[in-house]
Amino acid sequence: MSKASELREMNEEQLSFSLKEAQKDLFELRFQSATEKLDAPSRLKQYRREIARIKTLLREKQLAKPAVSEN
C-alpha cells in the first residue's frame, strides 16, 4: 500500500503499473474471500481505496496536460 504522497511522485507509467498490480491483488483477495480463506477482510477495503487513489491521480495528470487545439 502506498501513501498518496508517494503516488503523486510517480509518473503515469508507474501509476498504471501500480494500478494493474493493485487490481490483480484485489482479484486474488476476492477469490480468497469467496473460498473463505481470507485472513484480513479489511484488506479488501484498503485495495479498493488504493485503486481509487491511483485512478484519481491518473485522471488529474491527464487533465493537467495542455489541451491540443485542432486547427
PDB file of N, CA and C in Angstrom:
ATOM      1  N   MET A   1       0.836  -1.171   0.000  1.00  0.00           N
ATOM      2  CA  MET A   1       0.000   0.000   0.000  1.00  0.00           C
ATOM      3  C   MET A   1       0.886   1.242   0.000  1.00  0.00           C
ATOM      4  N   SER A   2       0.569   2.138  -0.878  1.00  0.00           N
ATOM      5  CA  SER A   2       1.337   3.364  -0.999  1.00  0.00           C
ATOM      6  C   SER A   2       0.565   4.537  -0.426  1.00  0.00           C
ATOM      7  N   LYS A   3       1.308   5.497   0.060  1.00  0.00           N
ATOM      8  CA  LYS A   3       0.688   6.718   0.542  1.00  0.00           C
ATOM      9  C   LYS A   3       0.400   7.611  -0.659  1.00  0.00           C
ATOM     10  N   ALA A   4      -0.527   8.529  -0.497  1.00  0.00           N
ATOM     11  CA  ALA A   4      -0.888   9.433  -1.588  1.00  0.00           C
ATOM     12  C   ALA A   4       0.320  10.272  -2.012  1.00  0.00           C
ATOM     13  N   SER A   5       1.146  10.687  -1.065  1.00  0.00           N
ATOM     14  CA  SER A   5       2.317  11.496  -1.405  1.00  0.00           C
ATOM     15  C   SER A   5       3.303  10.695  -2.256  1.00  0.00           C
ATOM     16  N   GLU A   6       3.441   9.409  -1.967  1.00  0.00           N
ATOM     17  CA  GLU A   6       4.323   8.554  -2.769  1.00  0.00           C
ATOM     18  C   GLU A   6       3.759   8.377  -4.171  1.00  0.00           C
ATOM     19  N   LEU A   7       2.448   8.244  -4.260  1.00  0.00           N
ATOM     20  CA  LEU A   7       1.815   8.059  -5.559  1.00  0.00           C
ATOM     21  C   LEU A   7       1.930   9.316  -6.414  1.00  0.00           C
ATOM     22  N   ARG A   8       1.844  10.484  -5.789  1.00  0.00           N
ATOM     23  CA  ARG A   8       1.930  11.747  -6.541  1.00  0.00           C
ATOM     24  C   ARG A   8       3.292  11.928  -7.193  1.00  0.00           C
ATOM     25  N   GLU A   9       4.322  11.326  -6.626  1.00  0.00           N
ATOM     26  CA  GLU A   9       5.670  11.455  -7.176  1.00  0.00           C
ATOM     27  C   GLU A   9       5.884  10.564  -8.398  1.00  0.00           C
ATOM     28  N   MET A  10       5.007   9.610  -8.615  1.00  0.00           N
ATOM     29  CA  MET A  10       5.156   8.672  -9.729  1.00  0.00           C
ATOM     30  C   MET A  10       4.669   9.303 -11.033  1.00  0.00           C
ATOM     31  N   ASN A  11       5.254   8.826 -12.143  1.00  0.00           N
ATOM     32  CA  ASN A  11       4.758   9.267 -13.445  1.00  0.00           C
ATOM     33  C   ASN A  11       3.599   8.369 -13.864  1.00  0.00           C
ATOM     34  N   GLU A  12       2.995   8.681 -15.006  1.00  0.00           N
ATOM     35  CA  GLU A  12       1.798   7.952 -15.438  1.00  0.00           C
ATOM     36  C   GLU A  12       2.082   6.472 -15.682  1.00  0.00           C
ATOM     37  N   GLU A  13       3.237   6.166 -16.211  1.00  0.00           N
ATOM     38  CA  GLU A  13       3.584   4.766 -16.480  1.00  0.00           C
ATOM     39  C   GLU A  13       3.681   3.970 -15.181  1.00  0.00           C
ATOM     40  N   GLN A  14       4.318   4.549 -14.183  1.00  0.00           N
ATOM     41  CA  GLN A  14       4.452   3.887 -12.894  1.00  0.00           C
ATOM     42  C   GLN A  14       3.089   3.731 -12.214  1.00  0.00           C
ATOM     43  N   LEU A  15       2.243   4.760 -12.344  1.00  0.00           N
ATOM     44  CA  LEU A  15       0.906   4.681 -11.763  1.00  0.00           C
ATOM     45  C   LEU A  15       0.085   3.592 -12.435  1.00  0.00           C
ATOM     46  N   SER A  16       0.205   3.482 -13.755  1.00  0.00           N
ATOM     47  CA  SER A  16      -0.530   2.441 -14.477  1.00  0.00           C
ATOM     48  C   SER A  16      -0.087   1.057 -14.019  1.00  0.00           C
ATOM     49  N   PHE A  17       1.211   0.891 -13.829  1.00  0.00           N
ATOM     50  CA  PHE A  17       1.726  -0.392 -13.343  1.00  0.00           C
ATOM     51  C   PHE A  17       1.205  -0.680 -11.941  1.00  0.00           C
ATOM     52  N   SER A  18       1.229   0.333 -11.071  1.00  0.00           N
ATOM     53  CA  SER A  18       0.718   0.158  -9.706  1.00  0.00           C
ATOM     54  C   SER A  18      -0.763  -0.181  -9.712  1.00  0.00           C
ATOM     55  N   LEU A  19      -1.507   0.431 -10.633  1.00  0.00           N
ATOM     56  CA  LEU A  19      -2.937   0.154 -10.752  1.00  0.00           C
ATOM     57  C   LEU A  19      -3.171  -1.300 -11.136  1.00  0.00           C
ATOM     58  N   LYS A  20      -2.419  -1.789 -12.110  1.00  0.00           N
ATOM     59  CA  LYS A  20      -2.575  -3.186 -12.538  1.00  0.00           C
ATOM     60  C   LYS A  20      -2.236  -4.144 -11.405  1.00  0.00           C
ATOM     61  N   GLU A  21      -1.190  -3.843 -10.667  1.00  0.00           N
ATOM     62  CA  GLU A  21      -0.794  -4.691  -9.547  1.00  0.00           C
ATOM     63  C   GLU A  21      -1.864  -4.694  -8.453  1.00  0.00           C
ATOM     64  N   ALA A  22      -2.403  -3.519  -8.140  1.00  0.00           N
ATOM     65  CA  ALA A  22      -3.425  -3.431  -7.102  1.00  0.00           C
ATOM     66  C   ALA A  22      -4.693  -4.164  -7.533  1.00  0.00           C
ATOM     67  N   GLN A  23      -5.050  -4.048  -8.796  1.00  0.00           N
ATOM     68  CA  GLN A  23      -6.231  -4.742  -9.298  1.00  0.00           C
ATOM     69  C   GLN A  23      -6.033  -6.257  -9.245  1.00  0.00           C
ATOM     70  N   LYS A  24      -4.819  -6.698  -9.565  1.00  0.00           N
ATOM     71  CA  LYS A  24      -4.518  -8.129  -9.505  1.00  0.00           C
ATOM     72  C   LYS A  24      -4.597  -8.633  -8.062  1.00  0.00           C
ATOM     73  N   ASP A  25      -4.044  -7.859  -7.136  1.00  0.00           N
ATOM     74  CA  ASP A  25      -4.087  -8.241  -5.723  1.00  0.00           C
ATOM     75  C   ASP A  25      -5.520  -8.264  -5.205  1.00  0.00           C
ATOM     76  N   LEU A  26      -6.327  -7.284  -5.613  1.00  0.00           N
ATOM     77  CA  LEU A  26      -7.728  -7.252  -5.194  1.00  0.00           C
ATOM     78  C   LEU A  26      -8.469  -8.474  -5.719  1.00  0.00           C
ATOM     79  N   PHE A  27      -8.199  -8.857  -6.956  1.00  0.00           N
ATOM     80  CA  PHE A  27      -8.828 -10.050  -7.521  1.00  0.00           C
ATOM     81  C   PHE A  27      -8.485 -11.275  -6.691  1.00  0.00           C
ATOM     82  N   GLU A  28      -7.204 -11.416  -6.330  1.00  0.00           N
ATOM     83  CA  GLU A  28      -6.774 -12.561  -5.524  1.00  0.00           C
ATOM     84  C   GLU A  28      -7.440 -12.555  -4.153  1.00  0.00           C
ATOM     85  N   LEU A  29      -7.587 -11.368  -3.564  1.00  0.00           N
ATOM     86  CA  LEU A  29      -8.254 -11.280  -2.262  1.00  0.00           C
ATOM     87  C   LEU A  29      -9.727 -11.642  -2.379  1.00  0.00           C
ATOM     88  N   ARG A  30     -10.371 -11.223  -3.453  1.00  0.00           N
ATOM     89  CA  ARG A  30     -11.775 -11.581  -3.648  1.00  0.00           C
ATOM     90  C   ARG A  30     -11.929 -13.081  -3.830  1.00  0.00           C
ATOM     91  N   PHE A  31     -10.985 -13.678  -4.505  1.00  0.00           N
ATOM     92  CA  PHE A  31     -11.011 -15.132  -4.696  1.00  0.00           C
ATOM     93  C   PHE A  31     -10.856 -15.831  -3.351  1.00  0.00           C
ATOM     94  N   GLN A  32      -9.925 -15.347  -2.529  1.00  0.00           N
ATOM     95  CA  GLN A  32      -9.741 -15.912  -1.191  1.00  0.00           C
ATOM     96  C   GLN A  32     -10.995 -15.738  -0.351  1.00  0.00           C
ATOM     97  N   SER A  33     -11.650 -14.589  -0.498  1.00  0.00           N
ATOM     98  CA  SER A  33     -12.872 -14.321   0.250  1.00  0.00           C
ATOM     99  C   SER A  33     -13.976 -15.291  -0.151  1.00  0.00           C
ATOM    100  N   ALA A  34     -14.069 -15.589  -1.429  1.00  0.00           N
ATOM    101  CA  ALA A  34     -15.099 -16.500  -1.917  1.00  0.00           C
ATOM    102  C   ALA A  34     -14.861 -17.923  -1.415  1.00  0.00           C
ATOM    103  N   THR A  35     -13.610 -18.297  -1.256  1.00  0.00           N
ATOM    104  CA  THR A  35     -13.288 -19.641  -0.776  1.00  0.00           C
ATOM    105  C   THR A  35     -13.111 -19.677   0.743  1.00  0.00           C
ATOM    106  N   GLU A  36     -13.423 -18.557   1.392  1.00  0.00           N
ATOM    107  CA  GLU A  36     -13.353 -18.431   2.849  1.00  0.00           C
ATOM    108  C   GLU A  36     -11.963 -18.691   3.414  1.00  0.00           C
ATOM    109  N   LYS A  37     -10.945 -18.247   2.700  1.00  0.00           N
ATOM    110  CA  LYS A  37      -9.573 -18.399   3.187  1.00  0.00           C
ATOM    111  C   LYS A  37      -8.914 -17.043   3.422  1.00  0.00           C
ATOM    112  N   LEU A  38      -9.714 -15.977   3.500  1.00  0.00           N
ATOM    113  CA  LEU A  38      -9.196 -14.624   3.675  1.00  0.00           C
ATOM    114  C   LEU A  38      -8.921 -14.364   5.149  1.00  0.00           C
ATOM    115  N   ASP A  39      -7.677 -13.977   5.458  1.00  0.00           N
ATOM    116  CA  ASP A  39      -7.291 -13.735   6.843  1.00  0.00           C
ATOM    117  C   ASP A  39      -7.735 -12.360   7.328  1.00  0.00           C
ATOM    118  N   ALA A  40      -7.562 -11.335   6.493  1.00  0.00           N
ATOM    119  CA  ALA A  40      -7.874  -9.961   6.900  1.00  0.00           C
ATOM    120  C   ALA A  40      -8.846  -9.329   5.906  1.00  0.00           C
ATOM    121  N   PRO A  41     -10.133  -9.384   6.191  1.00  0.00           N
ATOM    122  CA  PRO A  41     -11.125  -8.807   5.283  1.00  0.00           C
ATOM    123  C   PRO A  41     -10.954  -7.306   5.063  1.00  0.00           C
ATOM    124  N   SER A  42     -10.304  -6.622   5.991  1.00  0.00           N
ATOM    125  CA  SER A  42     -10.102  -5.179   5.849  1.00  0.00           C
ATOM    126  C   SER A  42      -9.185  -4.849   4.676  1.00  0.00           C
ATOM    127  N   ARG A  43      -8.403  -5.817   4.226  1.00  0.00           N
ATOM    128  CA  ARG A  43      -7.508  -5.570   3.089  1.00  0.00           C
ATOM    129  C   ARG A  43      -8.281  -5.322   1.808  1.00  0.00           C
ATOM    130  N   LEU A  44      -9.496  -5.891   1.686  1.00  0.00           N
ATOM    131  CA  LEU A  44     -10.325  -5.625   0.516  1.00  0.00           C
ATOM    132  C   LEU A  44     -10.612  -4.131   0.409  1.00  0.00           C
ATOM    133  N   LYS A  45     -10.994  -3.533   1.517  1.00  0.00           N
ATOM    134  CA  LYS A  45     -11.299  -2.105   1.544  1.00  0.00           C
ATOM    135  C   LYS A  45     -10.043  -1.281   1.238  1.00  0.00           C
ATOM    136  N   GLN A  46      -8.920  -1.690   1.779  1.00  0.00           N
ATOM    137  CA  GLN A  46      -7.668  -0.973   1.547  1.00  0.00           C
ATOM    138  C   GLN A  46      -7.305  -0.972   0.064  1.00  0.00           C
ATOM    139  N   TYR A  47      -7.453  -2.114  -0.586  1.00  0.00           N
ATOM    140  CA  TYR A  47      -7.100  -2.188  -2.006  1.00  0.00           C
ATOM    141  C   TYR A  47      -8.086  -1.409  -2.865  1.00  0.00           C
ATOM    142  N   ARG A  48      -9.372  -1.420  -2.506  1.00  0.00           N
ATOM    143  CA  ARG A  48     -10.337  -0.628  -3.267  1.00  0.00           C
ATOM    144  C   ARG A  48     -10.002   0.861  -3.179  1.00  0.00           C
ATOM    145  N   ARG A  49      -9.615   1.300  -2.005  1.00  0.00           N
ATOM    146  CA  ARG A  49      -9.239   2.710  -1.831  1.00  0.00           C
ATOM    147  C   ARG A  49      -7.944   3.036  -2.560  1.00  0.00           C
ATOM    148  N   GLU A  50      -7.005   2.112  -2.534  1.00  0.00           N
ATOM    149  CA  GLU A  50      -5.737   2.300  -3.255  1.00  0.00           C
ATOM    150  C   GLU A  50      -6.006   2.469  -4.753  1.00  0.00           C
ATOM    151  N   ILE A  51      -6.847   1.624  -5.300  1.00  0.00           N
ATOM    152  CA  ILE A  51      -7.194   1.695  -6.720  1.00  0.00           C
ATOM    153  C   ILE A  51      -7.860   3.032  -7.029  1.00  0.00           C
ATOM    154  N   ALA A  52      -8.757   3.471  -6.160  1.00  0.00           N
ATOM    155  CA  ALA A  52      -9.434   4.759  -6.364  1.00  0.00           C
ATOM    156  C   ALA A  52      -8.443   5.910  -6.329  1.00  0.00           C
ATOM    157  N   ARG A  53      -7.475   5.865  -5.407  1.00  0.00           N
ATOM    158  CA  ARG A  53      -6.447   6.913  -5.338  1.00  0.00           C
ATOM    159  C   ARG A  53      -5.641   6.978  -6.631  1.00  0.00           C
ATOM    160  N   ILE A  54      -5.220   5.812  -7.101  1.00  0.00           N
ATOM    161  CA  ILE A  54      -4.397   5.765  -8.314  1.00  0.00           C
ATOM    162  C   ILE A  54      -5.186   6.283  -9.510  1.00  0.00           C
ATOM    163  N   LYS A  55      -6.444   5.856  -9.643  1.00  0.00           N
ATOM    164  CA  LYS A  55      -7.267   6.322 -10.758  1.00  0.00           C
ATOM    165  C   LYS A  55      -7.480   7.827 -10.691  1.00  0.00           C
ATOM    166  N   THR A  56      -7.654   8.364  -9.498  1.00  0.00           N
ATOM    167  CA  THR A  56      -7.832   9.804  -9.326  1.00  0.00           C
ATOM    168  C   THR A  56      -6.578  10.546  -9.767  1.00  0.00           C
ATOM    169  N   LEU A  57      -5.421  10.061  -9.362  1.00  0.00           N
ATOM    170  CA  LEU A  57      -4.172  10.716  -9.742  1.00  0.00           C
ATOM    171  C   LEU A  57      -3.915  10.629 -11.247  1.00  0.00           C
ATOM    172  N   LEU A  58      -4.244   9.482 -11.839  1.00  0.00           N
ATOM    173  CA  LEU A  58      -4.098   9.356 -13.285  1.00  0.00           C
ATOM    174  C   LEU A  58      -4.990  10.363 -14.007  1.00  0.00           C
ATOM    175  N   ARG A  59      -6.201  10.537 -13.523  1.00  0.00           N
ATOM    176  CA  ARG A  59      -7.130  11.488 -14.136  1.00  0.00           C
ATOM    177  C   ARG A  59      -6.632  12.919 -13.941  1.00  0.00           C
ATOM    178  N   GLU A  60      -6.095  13.246 -12.767  1.00  0.00           N
ATOM    179  CA  GLU A  60      -5.547  14.575 -12.530  1.00  0.00           C
ATOM    180  C   GLU A  60      -4.409  14.875 -13.486  1.00  0.00           C
ATOM    181  N   LYS A  61      -3.535  13.898 -13.679  1.00  0.00           N
ATOM    182  CA  LYS A  61      -2.407  14.091 -14.598  1.00  0.00           C
ATOM    183  C   LYS A  61      -2.899  14.247 -16.032  1.00  0.00           C
ATOM    184  N   GLN A  62      -3.935  13.512 -16.389  1.00  0.00           N
ATOM    185  CA  GLN A  62      -4.491  13.608 -17.732  1.00  0.00           C
ATOM    186  C   GLN A  62      -5.097  14.992 -17.964  1.00  0.00           C
ATOM    187  N   LEU A  63      -5.791  15.524 -16.974  1.00  0.00           N
ATOM    188  CA  LEU A  63      -6.401  16.852 -17.105  1.00  0.00           C
ATOM    189  C   LEU A  63      -5.368  17.969 -17.056  1.00  0.00           C
ATOM    190  N   ALA A  64      -4.230  17.718 -16.419  1.00  0.00           N
ATOM    191  CA  ALA A  64      -3.185  18.739 -16.292  1.00  0.00           C
ATOM    192  C   ALA A  64      -2.437  18.950 -17.602  1.00  0.00           C
ATOM    193  N   LYS A  65      -2.486  17.972 -18.478  1.00  0.00           N
ATOM    194  CA  LYS A  65      -1.820  18.122 -19.774  1.00  0.00           C
ATOM    195  C   LYS A  65      -2.538  19.217 -20.566  1.00  0.00           C
ATOM    196  N   PRO A  66      -1.778  20.068 -21.240  1.00  0.00           N
ATOM    197  CA  PRO A  66      -2.438  21.121 -22.027  1.00  0.00           C
ATOM    198  C   PRO A  66      -3.237  20.501 -23.180  1.00  0.00           C
ATOM    199  N   ALA A  67      -4.415  21.057 -23.378  1.00  0.00           N
ATOM    200  CA  ALA A  67      -5.277  20.552 -24.442  1.00  0.00           C
ATOM    201  C   ALA A  67      -4.686  20.935 -25.796  1.00  0.00           C
ATOM    202  N   VAL A  68      -4.681  19.986 -26.713  1.00  0.00           N
ATOM    203  CA  VAL A  68      -4.154  20.221 -28.046  1.00  0.00           C
ATOM    204  C   VAL A  68      -5.290  20.792 -28.889  1.00  0.00           C
ATOM    205  N   SER A  69      -5.082  21.993 -29.418  1.00  0.00           N
ATOM    206  CA  SER A  69      -6.134  22.606 -30.216  1.00  0.00           C
ATOM    207  C   SER A  69      -6.081  22.031 -31.637  1.00  0.00           C
ATOM    208  N   GLU A  70      -7.252  21.755 -32.163  1.00  0.00           N
ATOM    209  CA  GLU A  70      -7.337  21.191 -33.512  1.00  0.00           C
ATOM    210  C   GLU A  70      -7.584  22.318 -34.484  1.00  0.00           C
ATOM    211  N   ASN A  71      -6.646  22.603 -35.372  1.00  0.00           N
ATOM    212  CA  ASN A  71      -6.788  23.635 -36.400  1.00  0.00           C
ATOM    213  C   ASN A  71      -6.611  23.057 -37.754  1.00  0.00           C
TER     214      ASN A  71
END
